[in-house]
C-alpha atoms as a PDB file:
ATOM      1  CA  UNK A   1       2.329   0.298  34.795  1.00  0.00           C
ATOM      2  CA  UNK A   2       4.545  -2.794  34.611  1.00  0.00           C
ATOM      3  CA  UNK A   3       1.732  -5.089  33.444  1.00  0.00           C
ATOM      4  CA  UNK A   4       0.963  -2.633  30.634  1.00  0.00           C
ATOM      5  CA  UNK A   5       4.614  -2.595  29.517  1.00  0.00           C
ATOM      6  CA  UNK A   6       4.755  -6.387  29.676  1.00  0.00           C
ATOM      7  CA  UNK A   7       1.570  -6.651  27.607  1.00  0.00           C
ATOM      8  CA  UNK A   8       2.925  -4.234  24.988  1.00  0.00           C
ATOM      9  CA  UNK A   9       6.214  -6.154  24.788  1.00  0.00           C
ATOM     10  CA  UNK A  10       4.334  -9.427  24.392  1.00  0.00           C
ATOM     11  CA  UNK A  11       2.153  -7.980  21.642  1.00  0.00           C
ATOM     12  CA  UNK A  12       5.115  -6.418  19.826  1.00  0.00           C
ATOM     13  CA  UNK A  13       7.542  -9.296  20.152  1.00  0.00           C
ATOM     14  CA  UNK A  14       5.042 -12.134  20.216  1.00  0.00           C
ATOM     15  CA  UNK A  15       5.989 -15.761  20.216  1.00  0.00           C
ATOM     16  CA  UNK A  16       6.612 -18.207  17.429  1.00  0.00           C
ATOM     17  CA  UNK A  17       5.037 -18.494  13.988  1.00  0.00           C
ATOM     18  CA  UNK A  18       1.744 -16.898  15.017  1.00  0.00           C
ATOM     19  CA  UNK A  19       3.565 -13.665  15.842  1.00  0.00           C
ATOM     20  CA  UNK A  20       5.395 -13.747  12.510  1.00  0.00           C
ATOM     21  CA  UNK A  21       2.080 -14.198  10.688  1.00  0.00           C
ATOM     22  CA  UNK A  22       0.574 -11.327  12.689  1.00  0.00           C
ATOM     23  CA  UNK A  23       3.550  -9.091  11.865  1.00  0.00           C
ATOM     24  CA  UNK A  24       3.319  -9.916   8.175  1.00  0.00           C
ATOM     25  CA  UNK A  25      -0.431  -9.302   8.194  1.00  0.00           C
ATOM     26  CA  UNK A  26       0.013  -5.973  10.016  1.00  0.00           C
ATOM     27  CA  UNK A  27       2.648  -4.929   7.480  1.00  0.00           C
ATOM     28  CA  UNK A  28       0.325  -5.734   4.590  1.00  0.00           C
ATOM     29  CA  UNK A  29      -2.499  -3.795   6.229  1.00  0.00           C
ATOM     30  CA  UNK A  30      -0.270  -0.741   6.711  1.00  0.00           C
ATOM     31  CA  UNK A  31       0.929  -1.014   3.092  1.00  0.00           C
ATOM     32  CA  UNK A  32      -2.665  -0.851   1.851  1.00  0.00           C
ATOM     33  CA  UNK A  33      -3.609   1.925   4.284  1.00  0.00           C
ATOM     34  CA  UNK A  34      -0.731   4.309   3.478  1.00  0.00           C
ATOM     35  CA  UNK A  35      -1.798   5.321  -0.057  1.00  0.00           C
ATOM     36  CA  UNK A  36      -5.415   5.523   1.113  1.00  0.00           C
ATOM     37  CA  UNK A  37      -4.435   7.830   3.978  1.00  0.00           C
ATOM     38  CA  UNK A  38      -2.273   9.908   1.620  1.00  0.00           C
ATOM     39  CA  UNK A  39      -5.233  10.277  -0.724  1.00  0.00           C
ATOM     40  CA  UNK A  40      -7.464  11.195   2.201  1.00  0.00           C
ATOM     41  CA  UNK A  41      -5.052  13.926   3.272  1.00  0.00           C
ATOM     42  CA  UNK A  42      -5.000  15.320  -0.261  1.00  0.00           C
ATOM     43  CA  UNK A  43      -8.812  15.286  -0.461  1.00  0.00           C
ATOM     44  CA  UNK A  44      -9.068  16.933   2.981  1.00  0.00           C
ATOM     45  CA  UNK A  45      -6.786  19.718   1.747  1.00  0.00           C
ATOM     46  CA  UNK A  46      -8.948  20.004  -1.393  1.00  0.00           C
ATOM     47  CA  UNK A  47      -5.815  19.168  -3.383  1.00  0.00           C
ATOM     48  CA  UNK A  48      -7.110  17.390  -6.473  1.00  0.00           C
ATOM     49  CA  UNK A  49      -3.828  17.869  -8.313  1.00  0.00           C
ATOM     50  CA  UNK A  50      -2.196  16.020  -5.409  1.00  0.00           C
ATOM     51  CA  UNK A  51      -4.716  13.185  -5.729  1.00  0.00           C
ATOM     52  CA  UNK A  52      -3.799  12.845  -9.406  1.00  0.00           C
ATOM     53  CA  UNK A  53      -0.081  12.961  -8.615  1.00  0.00           C
ATOM     54  CA  UNK A  54      -0.530  10.281  -5.943  1.00  0.00           C
ATOM     55  CA  UNK A  55      -2.292   8.096  -8.509  1.00  0.00           C
ATOM     56  CA  UNK A  56       0.522   8.556 -11.014  1.00  0.00           C
ATOM     57  CA  UNK A  57       3.190   7.927  -8.345  1.00  0.00           C
ATOM     58  CA  UNK A  58       1.482   4.787  -7.094  1.00  0.00           C
ATOM     59  CA  UNK A  59       0.746   3.341 -10.538  1.00  0.00           C
ATOM     60  CA  UNK A  60       4.255   3.936 -11.860  1.00  0.00           C
ATOM     61  CA  UNK A  61       5.914   2.641  -8.694  1.00  0.00           C
ATOM     62  CA  UNK A  62       3.828  -0.519  -8.419  1.00  0.00           C
ATOM     63  CA  UNK A  63       3.945  -1.052 -12.190  1.00  0.00           C
ATOM     64  CA  UNK A  64       7.738  -0.776 -12.314  1.00  0.00           C
ATOM     65  CA  UNK A  65       8.136  -3.084  -9.335  1.00  0.00           C
ATOM     66  CA  UNK A  66       5.703  -5.590 -10.845  1.00  0.00           C
ATOM     67  CA  UNK A  67       7.638  -5.595 -14.130  1.00  0.00           C
ATOM     68  CA  UNK A  68      10.986  -5.982 -12.352  1.00  0.00           C
ATOM     69  CA  UNK A  69       9.602  -8.780 -10.206  1.00  0.00           C
ATOM     70  CA  UNK A  70       8.889 -10.798 -13.366  1.00  0.00           C
ATOM     71  CA  UNK A  71      12.188  -9.925 -15.044  1.00  0.00           C
ATOM     72  CA  UNK A  72      14.613 -10.440 -12.145  1.00  0.00           C
ATOM     73  CA  UNK A  73      14.774 -13.970 -10.736  1.00  0.00           C
ATOM     74  CA  UNK A  74      15.598 -13.688  -7.050  1.00  0.00           C
ATOM     75  CA  UNK A  75      14.707 -16.509  -4.687  1.00  0.00           C
ATOM     76  CA  UNK A  76      12.745 -15.530  -1.590  1.00  0.00           C
ATOM     77  CA  UNK A  77      14.470 -16.157   1.752  1.00  0.00           C
ATOM     78  CA  UNK A  78      11.796 -18.724   2.640  1.00  0.00           C
ATOM     79  CA  UNK A  79      12.442 -20.522  -0.671  1.00  0.00           C
ATOM     80  CA  UNK A  80       8.808 -20.379  -1.787  1.00  0.00           C
ATOM     81  CA  UNK A  81       9.417 -18.880  -5.268  1.00  0.00           C
ATOM     82  CA  UNK A  82      11.662 -16.655  -7.366  1.00  0.00           C
ATOM     83  CA  UNK A  83       9.773 -13.355  -7.052  1.00  0.00           C
ATOM     84  CA  UNK A  84      11.619 -11.715  -4.195  1.00  0.00           C
ATOM     85  CA  UNK A  85      13.118  -8.679  -5.960  1.00  0.00           C
ATOM     86  CA  UNK A  86      11.740  -6.032  -5.523  1.00  0.00           C
ATOM     87  CA  UNK A  87       9.051  -5.976  -2.837  1.00  0.00           C
ATOM     88  CA  UNK A  88       5.663  -4.964  -4.227  1.00  0.00           C
ATOM     89  CA  UNK A  89       4.154  -4.602  -0.755  1.00  0.00           C
ATOM     90  CA  UNK A  90       6.890  -2.196   0.296  1.00  0.00           C
ATOM     91  CA  UNK A  91       6.524  -0.333  -3.013  1.00  0.00           C
ATOM     92  CA  UNK A  92       2.829   0.258  -2.334  1.00  0.00           C
ATOM     93  CA  UNK A  93       3.566   1.626   1.129  1.00  0.00           C
ATOM     94  CA  UNK A  94       6.558   3.680  -0.008  1.00  0.00           C
ATOM     95  CA  UNK A  95       4.569   5.298  -2.822  1.00  0.00           C
ATOM     96  CA  UNK A  96       2.209   6.822  -0.254  1.00  0.00           C
ATOM     97  CA  UNK A  97       4.956   7.937   2.113  1.00  0.00           C
ATOM     98  CA  UNK A  98       7.162   9.343  -0.662  1.00  0.00           C
ATOM     99  CA  UNK A  99       4.201  11.294  -2.035  1.00  0.00           C
ATOM    100  CA  UNK A 100       3.406  12.767   1.378  1.00  0.00           C
ATOM    101  CA  UNK A 101       7.018  13.834   1.894  1.00  0.00           C
ATOM    102  CA  UNK A 102       7.377  15.360  -1.565  1.00  0.00           C
ATOM    103  CA  UNK A 103       3.981  17.082  -1.597  1.00  0.00           C
ATOM    104  CA  UNK A 104       3.450  18.250   1.991  1.00  0.00           C
ATOM    105  CA  UNK A 105       6.905  18.138   3.585  1.00  0.00           C
ATOM    106  CA  UNK A 106       8.555  16.252   6.390  1.00  0.00           C
ATOM    107  CA  UNK A 107       5.710  16.895   8.843  1.00  0.00           C
ATOM    108  CA  UNK A 108       3.532  14.464   6.892  1.00  0.00           C
ATOM    109  CA  UNK A 109       6.328  12.472   5.323  1.00  0.00           C
ATOM    110  CA  UNK A 110       8.286  11.427   8.408  1.00  0.00           C
ATOM    111  CA  UNK A 111       5.469   9.486  10.142  1.00  0.00           C
ATOM    112  CA  UNK A 112       4.518   7.952   6.788  1.00  0.00           C
ATOM    113  CA  UNK A 113       8.154   6.987   6.176  1.00  0.00           C
ATOM    114  CA  UNK A 114       8.259   5.267   9.565  1.00  0.00           C
ATOM    115  CA  UNK A 115       5.108   3.344   8.649  1.00  0.00           C
ATOM    116  CA  UNK A 116       6.518   2.300   5.261  1.00  0.00           C
ATOM    117  CA  UNK A 117       9.728   1.145   6.902  1.00  0.00           C
ATOM    118  CA  UNK A 118       7.642  -0.941   9.292  1.00  0.00           C
ATOM    119  CA  UNK A 119       6.180  -2.580   6.193  1.00  0.00           C
ATOM    120  CA  UNK A 120       9.700  -3.262   4.896  1.00  0.00           C
ATOM    121  CA  UNK A 121      10.700  -4.691   8.284  1.00  0.00           C
ATOM    122  CA  UNK A 122       7.647  -6.949   8.342  1.00  0.00           C
ATOM    123  CA  UNK A 123       8.465  -8.308   4.863  1.00  0.00           C
ATOM    124  CA  UNK A 124      12.060  -9.090   5.847  1.00  0.00           C
ATOM    125  CA  UNK A 125      11.024 -10.653   9.181  1.00  0.00           C
ATOM    126  CA  UNK A 126       8.405 -12.799   7.422  1.00  0.00           C
ATOM    127  CA  UNK A 127      11.243 -14.058   5.182  1.00  0.00           C
ATOM    128  CA  UNK A 128       9.404 -12.935   2.044  1.00  0.00           C
ATOM    129  CA  UNK A 129      12.137 -10.496   0.987  1.00  0.00           C
ATOM    130  CA  UNK A 130      15.768  -9.633   1.528  1.00  0.00           C
ATOM    131  CA  UNK A 131      16.565  -6.214   2.971  1.00  0.00           C
ATOM    132  CA  UNK A 132      17.782  -4.977  -0.404  1.00  0.00           C
ATOM    133  CA  UNK A 133      14.468  -5.964  -2.047  1.00  0.00           C
ATOM    134  CA  UNK A 134      12.636  -3.548   0.229  1.00  0.00           C
ATOM    135  CA  UNK A 135      15.319  -0.882  -0.129  1.00  0.00           C
ATOM    136  CA  UNK A 136      15.012  -1.016  -3.922  1.00  0.00           C
ATOM    137  CA  UNK A 137      11.236  -0.633  -3.707  1.00  0.00           C
ATOM    138  CA  UNK A 138      11.574   2.380  -1.427  1.00  0.00           C
ATOM    139  CA  UNK A 139      14.150   3.941  -3.762  1.00  0.00           C
ATOM    140  CA  UNK A 140      11.897   3.433  -6.801  1.00  0.00           C
ATOM    141  CA  UNK A 141       8.992   5.082  -4.963  1.00  0.00           C
ATOM    142  CA  UNK A 142      11.152   8.021  -3.848  1.00  0.00           C
ATOM    143  CA  UNK A 143      12.446   8.476  -7.393  1.00  0.00           C
ATOM    144  CA  UNK A 144       8.990   8.608  -8.929  1.00  0.00           C
ATOM    145  CA  UNK A 145       7.777  10.975  -6.199  1.00  0.00           C
ATOM    146  CA  UNK A 146      10.693  13.290  -6.990  1.00  0.00           C
ATOM    147  CA  UNK A 147       9.806  13.209 -10.694  1.00  0.00           C
ATOM    148  CA  UNK A 148       6.001  13.459 -10.601  1.00  0.00           C
ATOM    149  CA  UNK A 149       5.119  15.256  -7.359  1.00  0.00           C
ATOM    150  CA  UNK A 150       5.185  19.029  -7.002  1.00  0.00           C
ATOM    151  CA  UNK A 151       5.169  20.918  -3.716  1.00  0.00           C
ATOM    152  CA  UNK A 152       1.721  21.879  -2.414  1.00  0.00           C
ATOM    153  CA  UNK A 153       0.979  25.593  -2.115  1.00  0.00           C
ATOM    154  CA  UNK A 154      -1.877  26.189   0.263  1.00  0.00           C
ATOM    155  CA  UNK A 155      -2.241  29.855  -0.588  1.00  0.00           C
ATOM    156  CA  UNK A 156      -2.458  31.335  -4.053  1.00  0.00           C
ATOM    157  CA  UNK A 157       0.487  33.363  -5.296  1.00  0.00           C
ATOM    158  CA  UNK A 158      -1.665  36.298  -6.393  1.00  0.00           C
ATOM    159  CA  UNK A 159      -2.913  38.733  -3.748  1.00  0.00           C
ATOM    160  CA  UNK A 160      -5.267  41.661  -4.218  1.00  0.00           C
ATOM    161  CA  UNK A 161      -6.934  44.324  -2.125  1.00  0.00           C
ATOM    162  CA  UNK A 162      -9.348  47.160  -2.808  1.00  0.00           C
ATOM    163  CA  UNK A 163      -9.167  50.289  -0.649  1.00  0.00           C
ATOM    164  CA  UNK A 164     -11.553  53.231  -0.649  1.00  0.00           C
ATOM    165  CA  UNK A 165     -10.048  56.725  -0.652  1.00  0.00           C
ATOM    166  CA  UNK A 166     -11.691  60.170  -0.502  1.00  0.00           C
ATOM    167  CA  UNK A 167     -10.989  60.661  -4.214  1.00  0.00           C
ATOM    168  CA  UNK A 168     -11.906  57.166  -5.431  1.00  0.00           C
ATOM    169  CA  UNK A 169     -10.497  53.687  -4.899  1.00  0.00           C
ATOM    170  CA  UNK A 170      -7.147  51.977  -5.029  1.00  0.00           C
ATOM    171  CA  UNK A 171      -6.596  48.439  -6.275  1.00  0.00           C
ATOM    172  CA  UNK A 172      -3.425  46.653  -5.160  1.00  0.00           C
ATOM    173  CA  UNK A 173      -2.130  43.510  -6.817  1.00  0.00           C
ATOM    174  CA  UNK A 174       0.771  41.453  -5.558  1.00  0.00           C
ATOM    175  CA  UNK A 175       2.418  38.245  -6.673  1.00  0.00           C
ATOM    176  CA  UNK A 176       4.758  36.005  -4.675  1.00  0.00           C
ATOM    177  CA  UNK A 177       7.387  34.125  -6.644  1.00  0.00           C
END
């Protein structure tokens, strides 16, 4: 058991620049995977309205962040350029997690939120963004999800039944508000 724990700690903490590159790469991979997974969940639930809402959420979030990145001049912590604010990688991840939370509830949203915050952590640790760059991206994604995403209803609101009686039939209609 101890060797397994030591191996996991080594893989998680790593050593030196190679570990930082691996963390940054893992964060980017998760950022790309989150909207794809969110879309896969929507397709699995046969929720084509949700797929469209995810597309709108993702496009508006990434588009807003891209525009802000070229308007606001914020130097990256590593000094490489002046496109730190806000984080487009975190925005991509947060668009998927915010959609899942808004559309399907905390059961889907909480694990996705943890994954998107891992992306934010990886961007800060790689010295590509400040913590507030990633926070702004997450807030933009949550705002657009609140505006464009409606709650998923698995069952229709209209219910009906047809019962046979000795004198004929009875049709019942019900609607849940």
